[in-house]
Protein backbone atom coordinates (compact mmCIF):
# COMPACT_ATOMS: atom_id res chain seq x y z
CA UNK A 1 0.00 0.00 0.00
CA UNK A 2 1.20 3.52 -0.73
CA UNK A 3 -0.87 5.33 1.90
CA UNK A 4 -3.48 6.57 -0.57
CA UNK A 5 -6.80 8.11 0.29
CA UNK A 6 -9.23 5.36 1.37
CA UNK A 7 -11.96 7.06 -0.70
CA UNK A 8 -10.05 6.70 -3.98
CA UNK A 9 -10.14 3.90 -6.51
CA UNK A 10 -7.70 2.67 -9.16
CA UNK A 11 -8.01 0.34 -12.12
CA UNK A 12 -5.40 -2.40 -12.39
CA UNK A 13 -4.60 -3.08 -16.04
CA UNK A 14 -2.79 -6.31 -15.14
CA UNK A 15 -5.74 -7.90 -13.34
CA UNK A 16 -8.48 -5.82 -15.01
CA UNK A 17 -10.15 -4.91 -11.75
CA UNK A 18 -10.93 -1.94 -9.54
CA UNK A 19 -8.65 -1.63 -6.54
CA UNK A 20 -8.70 0.30 -3.28
CA UNK A 21 -5.81 1.25 -0.98
CA UNK A 22 -6.35 -1.95 0.99
CA UNK A 23 -5.69 -4.14 -2.06
CA UNK A 24 -3.47 -2.49 -4.68
CA UNK A 25 -1.00 -3.69 -7.26
CA UNK A 26 2.20 -1.72 -7.92
CA UNK A 27 1.69 1.74 -9.42
CA UNK A 28 3.02 0.62 -12.83
CA UNK A 29 -0.13 -1.50 -13.25
CA UNK A 30 -2.69 1.11 -12.16
CA UNK A 31 -4.71 3.91 -13.71
CA UNK A 32 -6.10 6.54 -11.37
CA UNK A 33 -6.90 7.59 -8.80
CA UNK A 34 -10.62 8.00 -9.41
CA UNK A 35 -13.21 9.46 -7.06
CA UNK A 36 -15.73 6.67 -7.53
CA UNK A 37 -15.73 2.97 -8.22
CA UNK A 38 -17.79 3.60 -11.37
CA UNK A 39 -15.14 5.98 -12.77
CA UNK A 40 -12.45 3.38 -12.12
CA UNK A 41 -14.55 0.65 -13.78
CA UNK A 42 -14.61 2.74 -16.97
CA UNK A 43 -10.93 3.71 -16.89
CA UNK A 44 -9.99 1.79 -20.04
CA UNK A 45 -12.92 3.25 -21.99
CA UNK A 46 -11.97 6.77 -20.95
CA UNK A 47 -8.31 6.16 -21.82
CA UNK A 48 -9.33 4.99 -25.29
CA UNK A 49 -11.52 8.08 -25.76
CA UNK A 50 -8.63 10.33 -24.78
CA UNK A 51 -6.25 8.52 -27.12
CA UNK A 52 -8.69 9.04 -29.99
CA UNK A 53 -9.04 12.74 -29.10
CA UNK A 54 -5.27 13.18 -28.99
CA UNK A 55 -4.81 11.29 -32.26
CA UNK A 56 -7.38 13.55 -33.92
CA UNK A 57 -5.69 16.64 -32.52
CA UNK A 58 -2.31 15.43 -33.81
CA UNK A 59 -3.82 15.11 -37.28
CA UNK A 60 -4.93 18.75 -37.24
CA UNK A 61 -1.38 20.13 -37.22
PDB file of N, CA and C in Angstrom:
ATOM      1  N   UNK A   1       0.834  -1.183   0.000  1.00  0.00           N
ATOM      2  CA  UNK A   1       0.000   0.000   0.000  1.00  0.00           C
ATOM      3  C   UNK A   1       0.873   1.239   0.000  1.00  0.00           C
ATOM      4  N   UNK A   2       0.417   2.298  -0.678  1.00  0.00           N
ATOM      5  CA  UNK A   2       1.204   3.522  -0.734  1.00  0.00           C
ATOM      6  C   UNK A   2       0.618   4.641   0.109  1.00  0.00           C
ATOM      7  N   UNK A   3      -0.310   4.322   1.020  1.00  0.00           N
ATOM      8  CA  UNK A   3      -0.874   5.326   1.903  1.00  0.00           C
ATOM      9  C   UNK A   3      -1.893   6.221   1.243  1.00  0.00           C
ATOM     10  N   UNK A   4      -2.507   5.772   0.168  1.00  0.00           N
ATOM     11  CA  UNK A   4      -3.479   6.568  -0.572  1.00  0.00           C
ATOM     12  C   UNK A   4      -4.737   6.844   0.222  1.00  0.00           C
ATOM     13  N   UNK A   5      -5.524   7.746  -0.301  1.00  0.00           N
ATOM     14  CA  UNK A   5      -6.798   8.112   0.290  1.00  0.00           C
ATOM     15  C   UNK A   5      -7.733   6.906   0.247  1.00  0.00           C
ATOM     16  N   UNK A   6      -8.353   6.536   1.365  1.00  0.00           N
ATOM     17  CA  UNK A   6      -9.232   5.359   1.374  1.00  0.00           C
ATOM     18  C   UNK A   6     -10.483   5.546   0.526  1.00  0.00           C
ATOM     19  N   UNK A   7     -10.785   6.785   0.124  1.00  0.00           N
ATOM     20  CA  UNK A   7     -11.957   7.060  -0.701  1.00  0.00           C
ATOM     21  C   UNK A   7     -11.615   7.159  -2.177  1.00  0.00           C
ATOM     22  N   UNK A   8     -10.457   6.674  -2.583  1.00  0.00           N
ATOM     23  CA  UNK A   8     -10.054   6.700  -3.977  1.00  0.00           C
ATOM     24  C   UNK A   8      -9.981   5.281  -4.516  1.00  0.00           C
ATOM     25  N   UNK A   9     -10.146   5.186  -5.833  1.00  0.00           N
ATOM     26  CA  UNK A   9     -10.142   3.898  -6.512  1.00  0.00           C
ATOM     27  C   UNK A   9      -9.160   3.944  -7.671  1.00  0.00           C
ATOM     28  N   UNK A  10      -8.617   2.806  -8.029  1.00  0.00           N
ATOM     29  CA  UNK A  10      -7.704   2.669  -9.158  1.00  0.00           C
ATOM     30  C   UNK A  10      -8.192   1.510 -10.009  1.00  0.00           C
ATOM     31  N   UNK A  11      -7.741   1.478 -11.264  1.00  0.00           N
ATOM     32  CA  UNK A  11      -8.014   0.337 -12.121  1.00  0.00           C
ATOM     33  C   UNK A  11      -6.693  -0.337 -12.416  1.00  0.00           C
ATOM     34  N   UNK A  12      -6.607  -1.621 -12.129  1.00  0.00           N
ATOM     35  CA  UNK A  12      -5.398  -2.396 -12.390  1.00  0.00           C
ATOM     36  C   UNK A  12      -5.498  -2.984 -13.794  1.00  0.00           C
ATOM     37  N   UNK A  13      -4.585  -2.571 -14.671  1.00  0.00           N
ATOM     38  CA  UNK A  13      -4.605  -3.076 -16.043  1.00  0.00           C
ATOM     39  C   UNK A  13      -4.076  -4.505 -16.122  1.00  0.00           C
ATOM     40  N   UNK A  14      -3.311  -4.931 -15.158  1.00  0.00           N
ATOM     41  CA  UNK A  14      -2.793  -6.307 -15.142  1.00  0.00           C
ATOM     42  C   UNK A  14      -3.906  -7.304 -14.816  1.00  0.00           C
ATOM     43  N   UNK A  15      -4.694  -6.989 -13.797  1.00  0.00           N
ATOM     44  CA  UNK A  15      -5.744  -7.902 -13.343  1.00  0.00           C
ATOM     45  C   UNK A  15      -7.137  -7.503 -13.824  1.00  0.00           C
ATOM     46  N   UNK A  16      -7.215  -6.337 -14.478  1.00  0.00           N
ATOM     47  CA  UNK A  16      -8.480  -5.821 -15.013  1.00  0.00           C
ATOM     48  C   UNK A  16      -9.556  -5.761 -13.945  1.00  0.00           C
ATOM     49  N   UNK A  17      -9.206  -5.056 -12.853  1.00  0.00           N
ATOM     50  CA  UNK A  17     -10.152  -4.914 -11.745  1.00  0.00           C
ATOM     51  C   UNK A  17      -9.966  -3.565 -11.071  1.00  0.00           C
ATOM     52  N   UNK A  18     -10.995  -3.148 -10.346  1.00  0.00           N
ATOM     53  CA  UNK A  18     -10.933  -1.941  -9.537  1.00  0.00           C
ATOM     54  C   UNK A  18     -10.250  -2.295  -8.224  1.00  0.00           C
ATOM     55  N   UNK A  19      -9.367  -1.402  -7.788  1.00  0.00           N
ATOM     56  CA  UNK A  19      -8.651  -1.634  -6.535  1.00  0.00           C
ATOM     57  C   UNK A  19      -8.805  -0.442  -5.604  1.00  0.00           C
ATOM     58  N   UNK A  20      -8.672  -0.720  -4.322  1.00  0.00           N
ATOM     59  CA  UNK A  20      -8.702   0.303  -3.277  1.00  0.00           C
ATOM     60  C   UNK A  20      -7.355   0.267  -2.549  1.00  0.00           C
ATOM     61  N   UNK A  21      -7.099   1.247  -1.685  1.00  0.00           N
ATOM     62  CA  UNK A  21      -5.809   1.250  -0.981  1.00  0.00           C
ATOM     63  C   UNK A  21      -5.535  -0.020  -0.171  1.00  0.00           C
ATOM     64  N   UNK A  22      -6.555  -0.734   0.211  1.00  0.00           N
ATOM     65  CA  UNK A  22      -6.354  -1.952   0.992  1.00  0.00           C
ATOM     66  C   UNK A  22      -5.840  -3.107   0.137  1.00  0.00           C
ATOM     67  N   UNK A  23      -6.015  -3.008  -1.183  1.00  0.00           N
ATOM     68  CA  UNK A  23      -5.691  -4.143  -2.062  1.00  0.00           C
ATOM     69  C   UNK A  23      -5.208  -3.602  -3.402  1.00  0.00           C
ATOM     70  N   UNK A  24      -3.953  -3.117  -3.455  1.00  0.00           N
ATOM     71  CA  UNK A  24      -3.472  -2.486  -4.678  1.00  0.00           C
ATOM     72  C   UNK A  24      -2.234  -3.166  -5.224  1.00  0.00           C
ATOM     73  N   UNK A  25      -2.194  -3.235  -6.549  1.00  0.00           N
ATOM     74  CA  UNK A  25      -1.005  -3.691  -7.257  1.00  0.00           C
ATOM     75  C   UNK A  25      -0.006  -2.534  -7.336  1.00  0.00           C
ATOM     76  N   UNK A  26       1.219  -2.795  -7.760  1.00  0.00           N
ATOM     77  CA  UNK A  26       2.196  -1.717  -7.916  1.00  0.00           C
ATOM     78  C   UNK A  26       1.686  -0.635  -8.864  1.00  0.00           C
ATOM     79  N   UNK A  27       2.151   0.577  -8.658  1.00  0.00           N
ATOM     80  CA  UNK A  27       1.692   1.742  -9.422  1.00  0.00           C
ATOM     81  C   UNK A  27       1.827   1.541 -10.929  1.00  0.00           C
ATOM     82  N   UNK A  28       2.817   0.807 -11.380  1.00  0.00           N
ATOM     83  CA  UNK A  28       3.024   0.624 -12.826  1.00  0.00           C
ATOM     84  C   UNK A  28       1.864  -0.109 -13.489  1.00  0.00           C
ATOM     85  N   UNK A  29       1.005  -0.753 -12.702  1.00  0.00           N
ATOM     86  CA  UNK A  29      -0.129  -1.496 -13.248  1.00  0.00           C
ATOM     87  C   UNK A  29      -1.460  -0.757 -13.091  1.00  0.00           C
ATOM     88  N   UNK A  30      -1.441   0.448 -12.504  1.00  0.00           N
ATOM     89  CA  UNK A  30      -2.693   1.111 -12.157  1.00  0.00           C
ATOM     90  C   UNK A  30      -2.954   2.366 -12.968  1.00  0.00           C
ATOM     91  N   UNK A  31      -4.230   2.634 -13.191  1.00  0.00           N
ATOM     92  CA  UNK A  31      -4.711   3.907 -13.709  1.00  0.00           C
ATOM     93  C   UNK A  31      -5.494   4.553 -12.577  1.00  0.00           C
ATOM     94  N   UNK A  32      -5.342   5.851 -12.421  1.00  0.00           N
ATOM     95  CA  UNK A  32      -6.096   6.539 -11.374  1.00  0.00           C
ATOM     96  C   UNK A  32      -5.209   7.437 -10.574  1.00  0.00           C
ATOM     97  N   UNK A  33      -5.699   7.987  -9.523  1.00  0.00           N
ATOM     98  CA  UNK A  33      -6.897   7.587  -8.795  1.00  0.00           C
ATOM     99  C   UNK A  33      -8.174   8.191  -9.374  1.00  0.00           C
ATOM    100  N   UNK A  34      -9.282   7.555  -9.032  1.00  0.00           N
ATOM    101  CA  UNK A  34     -10.615   8.000  -9.412  1.00  0.00           C
ATOM    102  C   UNK A  34     -11.427   8.223  -8.144  1.00  0.00           C
ATOM    103  N   UNK A  35     -12.384   9.122  -8.222  1.00  0.00           N
ATOM    104  CA  UNK A  35     -13.205   9.460  -7.055  1.00  0.00           C
ATOM    105  C   UNK A  35     -14.244   8.409  -6.730  1.00  0.00           C
ATOM    106  N   UNK A  36     -14.693   7.681  -7.755  1.00  0.00           N
ATOM    107  CA  UNK A  36     -15.730   6.672  -7.532  1.00  0.00           C
ATOM    108  C   UNK A  36     -15.324   5.347  -8.150  1.00  0.00           C
ATOM    109  N   UNK A  37     -15.953   4.302  -7.665  1.00  0.00           N
ATOM    110  CA  UNK A  37     -15.729   2.970  -8.222  1.00  0.00           C
ATOM    111  C   UNK A  37     -16.167   2.939  -9.686  1.00  0.00           C
ATOM    112  N   UNK A  38     -17.276   3.589  -9.996  1.00  0.00           N
ATOM    113  CA  UNK A  38     -17.787   3.603 -11.373  1.00  0.00           C
ATOM    114  C   UNK A  38     -16.780   4.244 -12.329  1.00  0.00           C
ATOM    115  N   UNK A  39     -16.161   5.349 -11.920  1.00  0.00           N
ATOM    116  CA  UNK A  39     -15.141   5.981 -12.766  1.00  0.00           C
ATOM    117  C   UNK A  39     -13.982   5.028 -13.019  1.00  0.00           C
ATOM    118  N   UNK A  40     -13.556   4.331 -11.980  1.00  0.00           N
ATOM    119  CA  UNK A  40     -12.449   3.382 -12.123  1.00  0.00           C
ATOM    120  C   UNK A  40     -12.841   2.218 -13.031  1.00  0.00           C
ATOM    121  N   UNK A  41     -14.089   1.756 -12.938  1.00  0.00           N
ATOM    122  CA  UNK A  41     -14.548   0.650 -13.778  1.00  0.00           C
ATOM    123  C   UNK A  41     -14.477   1.007 -15.259  1.00  0.00           C
ATOM    124  N   UNK A  42     -14.607   2.289 -15.579  1.00  0.00           N
ATOM    125  CA  UNK A  42     -14.607   2.740 -16.974  1.00  0.00           C
ATOM    126  C   UNK A  42     -13.286   3.371 -17.390  1.00  0.00           C
ATOM    127  N   UNK A  43     -12.232   3.102 -16.635  1.00  0.00           N
ATOM    128  CA  UNK A  43     -10.928   3.714 -16.887  1.00  0.00           C
ATOM    129  C   UNK A  43     -10.403   3.395 -18.284  1.00  0.00           C
ATOM    130  N   UNK A  44     -10.512   2.161 -18.720  1.00  0.00           N
ATOM    131  CA  UNK A  44      -9.986   1.794 -20.038  1.00  0.00           C
ATOM    132  C   UNK A  44     -10.780   2.466 -21.158  1.00  0.00           C
ATOM    133  N   UNK A  45     -12.087   2.568 -20.985  1.00  0.00           N
ATOM    134  CA  UNK A  45     -12.916   3.250 -21.989  1.00  0.00           C
ATOM    135  C   UNK A  45     -12.516   4.718 -22.094  1.00  0.00           C
ATOM    136  N   UNK A  46     -12.339   5.348 -20.957  1.00  0.00           N
ATOM    137  CA  UNK A  46     -11.967   6.770 -20.948  1.00  0.00           C
ATOM    138  C   UNK A  46     -10.575   6.964 -21.551  1.00  0.00           C
ATOM    139  N   UNK A  47      -9.656   6.070 -21.249  1.00  0.00           N
ATOM    140  CA  UNK A  47      -8.305   6.164 -21.818  1.00  0.00           C
ATOM    141  C   UNK A  47      -8.367   6.052 -23.340  1.00  0.00           C
ATOM    142  N   UNK A  48      -9.187   5.146 -23.848  1.00  0.00           N
ATOM    143  CA  UNK A  48      -9.334   4.989 -25.290  1.00  0.00           C
ATOM    144  C   UNK A  48      -9.931   6.256 -25.917  1.00  0.00           C
ATOM    145  N   UNK A  49     -10.929   6.840 -25.258  1.00  0.00           N
ATOM    146  CA  UNK A  49     -11.521   8.084 -25.759  1.00  0.00           C
ATOM    147  C   UNK A  49     -10.470   9.188 -25.836  1.00  0.00           C
ATOM    148  N   UNK A  50      -9.677   9.301 -24.794  1.00  0.00           N
ATOM    149  CA  UNK A  50      -8.629  10.328 -24.780  1.00  0.00           C
ATOM    150  C   UNK A  50      -7.592  10.083 -25.867  1.00  0.00           C
ATOM    151  N   UNK A  51      -7.206   8.838 -26.059  1.00  0.00           N
ATOM    152  CA  UNK A  51      -6.247   8.523 -27.122  1.00  0.00           C
ATOM    153  C   UNK A  51      -6.791   8.930 -28.479  1.00  0.00           C
ATOM    154  N   UNK A  52      -8.066   8.656 -28.719  1.00  0.00           N
ATOM    155  CA  UNK A  52      -8.689   9.036 -29.992  1.00  0.00           C
ATOM    156  C   UNK A  52      -8.718  10.554 -30.152  1.00  0.00           C
ATOM    157  N   UNK A  53      -9.038  11.272 -29.060  1.00  0.00           N
ATOM    158  CA  UNK A  53      -9.045  12.736 -29.103  1.00  0.00           C
ATOM    159  C   UNK A  53      -7.652  13.272 -29.414  1.00  0.00           C
ATOM    160  N   UNK A  54      -6.640  12.716 -28.767  1.00  0.00           N
ATOM    161  CA  UNK A  54      -5.266  13.177 -28.993  1.00  0.00           C
ATOM    162  C   UNK A  54      -4.799  12.848 -30.409  1.00  0.00           C
ATOM    163  N   UNK A  55      -5.172  11.661 -30.896  1.00  0.00           N
ATOM    164  CA  UNK A  55      -4.808  11.293 -32.264  1.00  0.00           C
ATOM    165  C   UNK A  55      -5.444  12.247 -33.267  1.00  0.00           C
ATOM    166  N   UNK A  56      -6.689  12.613 -33.032  1.00  0.00           N
ATOM    167  CA  UNK A  56      -7.377  13.546 -33.917  1.00  0.00           C
ATOM    168  C   UNK A  56      -6.719  14.917 -33.862  1.00  0.00           C
ATOM    169  N   UNK A  57      -6.345  15.346 -32.672  1.00  0.00           N
ATOM    170  CA  UNK A  57      -5.685  16.638 -32.521  1.00  0.00           C
ATOM    171  C   UNK A  57      -4.320  16.647 -33.208  1.00  0.00           C
ATOM    172  N   UNK A  58      -3.606  15.534 -33.141  1.00  0.00           N
ATOM    173  CA  UNK A  58      -2.312  15.431 -33.814  1.00  0.00           C
ATOM    174  C   UNK A  58      -2.468  15.558 -35.327  1.00  0.00           C
ATOM    175  N   UNK A  59      -3.574  15.046 -35.853  1.00  0.00           N
ATOM    176  CA  UNK A  59      -3.819  15.109 -37.282  1.00  0.00           C
ATOM    177  C   UNK A  59      -4.183  16.494 -37.784  1.00  0.00           C
ATOM    178  N   UNK A  60      -4.541  17.395 -36.874  1.00  0.00           N
ATOM    179  CA  UNK A  60      -4.935  18.752 -37.241  1.00  0.00           C
ATOM    180  C   UNK A  60      -3.742  19.642 -37.518  1.00  0.00           C
ATOM    181  N   UNK A  61      -2.576  19.283 -37.071  1.00  0.00           N
ATOM    182  CA  UNK A  61      -1.380  20.130 -37.222  1.00  0.00           C
ATOM    183  C   UNK A  61      -0.870  20.173 -38.617  1.00  0.00           C
TER     184      UNK A  61
END
